Amino acid sequence: MEENAVQTVKTAKRSFVGLVTSDKMDKTIVVTIATKKMDRLYKKYVTRTKKYMAHDENNDAHVGDTVRIVECRPLSRNKTWRLAEIVERAK
């Protein structure tokens, strides 16, 4: 190898399954991810929620849908995720 060659390493992209809580923006959805975490002191599971903005190119997902989002390059200040698939439509 050359002396100044840059070595790139491919990493597995993270993905989450969550609920769409907002679709009011153009080509953007807000997905809420809920995870259960053990509380150190009380030894009980506590639900933690976090919101992610995801890119939805065709405006397919709507509020109440269960979707899978995948990590991607930064698309804007807040968007570093994109819609991979709609797991289940809202009823």
Protein backbone atom coordinates (compact mmCIF):
# COMPACT_ATOMS: atom_id res chain seq x y z
CA MET A 1 0.00 0.00 0.00
CA GLU A 2 1.00 3.57 -0.54
CA GLU A 3 2.27 5.63 2.34
CA ASN A 4 -0.63 8.16 2.32
CA ALA A 5 -3.44 5.78 1.30
CA VAL A 6 -6.66 6.23 3.25
CA GLN A 7 -8.28 3.06 4.46
CA THR A 8 -12.08 3.06 4.59
CA VAL A 9 -14.03 0.65 6.73
CA LYS A 10 -17.65 -0.27 5.99
CA THR A 11 -19.82 -0.43 9.08
CA ALA A 12 -23.30 -1.87 9.48
CA LYS A 13 -25.92 0.86 9.42
CA ARG A 14 -28.16 1.08 12.47
CA SER A 15 -31.89 0.65 12.01
CA PHE A 16 -34.89 1.16 14.29
CA VAL A 17 -38.58 0.30 14.14
CA GLY A 18 -40.86 3.01 15.48
CA LEU A 19 -44.13 4.91 15.20
CA VAL A 20 -44.67 7.94 12.96
CA THR A 21 -45.82 10.84 15.16
CA SER A 22 -45.71 13.64 12.57
CA ASP A 23 -45.83 13.90 8.78
CA LYS A 24 -46.56 17.61 8.40
CA MET A 25 -43.22 18.49 6.81
CA ASP A 26 -42.48 17.92 3.14
CA LYS A 27 -40.44 14.71 2.60
CA THR A 28 -39.81 14.41 6.35
CA ILE A 29 -41.42 12.31 9.08
CA VAL A 30 -40.86 12.28 12.84
CA VAL A 31 -40.48 8.75 14.20
CA THR A 32 -40.73 7.94 17.92
CA ILE A 33 -38.61 5.02 19.12
CA ALA A 34 -39.45 3.45 22.49
CA THR A 35 -36.87 1.34 24.33
CA LYS A 36 -37.04 -0.37 27.71
CA LYS A 37 -34.15 0.18 30.10
CA MET A 38 -33.56 -1.24 33.56
CA ASP A 39 -33.57 1.37 36.33
CA ARG A 40 -30.43 0.94 38.44
CA LEU A 41 -31.95 1.89 41.78
CA TYR A 42 -35.41 0.34 41.60
CA LYS A 43 -34.57 -2.63 39.33
CA LYS A 44 -37.65 -2.02 37.19
CA TYR A 45 -37.93 -1.47 33.45
CA VAL A 46 -38.60 2.11 32.41
CA THR A 47 -39.72 3.08 28.89
CA ARG A 48 -37.49 5.69 27.25
CA THR A 49 -38.62 7.47 24.10
CA LYS A 50 -36.60 9.36 21.53
CA LYS A 51 -37.67 11.18 18.38
CA TYR A 52 -35.82 11.00 15.08
CA MET A 53 -36.43 12.98 11.89
CA ALA A 54 -36.31 10.73 8.84
CA HIS A 55 -36.31 11.41 5.10
CA ASP A 56 -39.44 10.17 3.29
CA GLU A 57 -38.85 10.86 -0.40
CA ASN A 58 -42.36 10.05 -1.66
CA ASN A 59 -44.36 11.21 1.40
CA ASP A 60 -45.61 7.60 1.81
CA ALA A 61 -45.73 7.32 5.61
CA HIS A 62 -48.48 8.92 7.69
CA VAL A 63 -49.22 9.40 11.39
CA GLY A 64 -49.74 6.09 13.19
CA ASP A 65 -47.76 3.95 10.72
CA THR A 66 -45.07 1.61 12.05
CA VAL A 67 -41.91 2.14 10.01
CA ARG A 68 -38.28 1.03 9.82
CA ILE A 69 -35.67 3.82 9.54
CA VAL A 70 -32.01 3.38 8.56
CA GLU A 71 -28.99 5.54 9.26
CA CYS A 72 -27.67 7.58 6.32
CA ARG A 73 -25.48 10.58 5.54
CA PRO A 74 -26.61 13.95 6.96
CA LEU A 75 -29.41 15.29 4.76
CA SER A 76 -30.02 18.45 6.81
CA ARG A 77 -29.26 19.79 10.26
CA ASN A 78 -31.59 17.31 11.98
CA LYS A 79 -32.06 14.53 9.41
CA THR A 80 -29.54 11.67 9.37
CA TRP A 81 -32.08 8.86 8.94
CA ARG A 82 -34.18 7.70 5.99
CA LEU A 83 -37.33 5.63 5.64
CA ALA A 84 -36.46 2.04 4.71
CA GLU A 85 -39.91 0.46 4.75
CA ILE A 86 -43.41 0.78 6.12
CA VAL A 87 -43.89 -2.22 8.39
CA GLU A 88 -47.59 -1.66 9.15
CA ARG A 89 -50.11 0.95 8.04
CA ALA A 90 -52.30 2.76 10.58
CA LYS A 91 -55.86 1.50 10.80
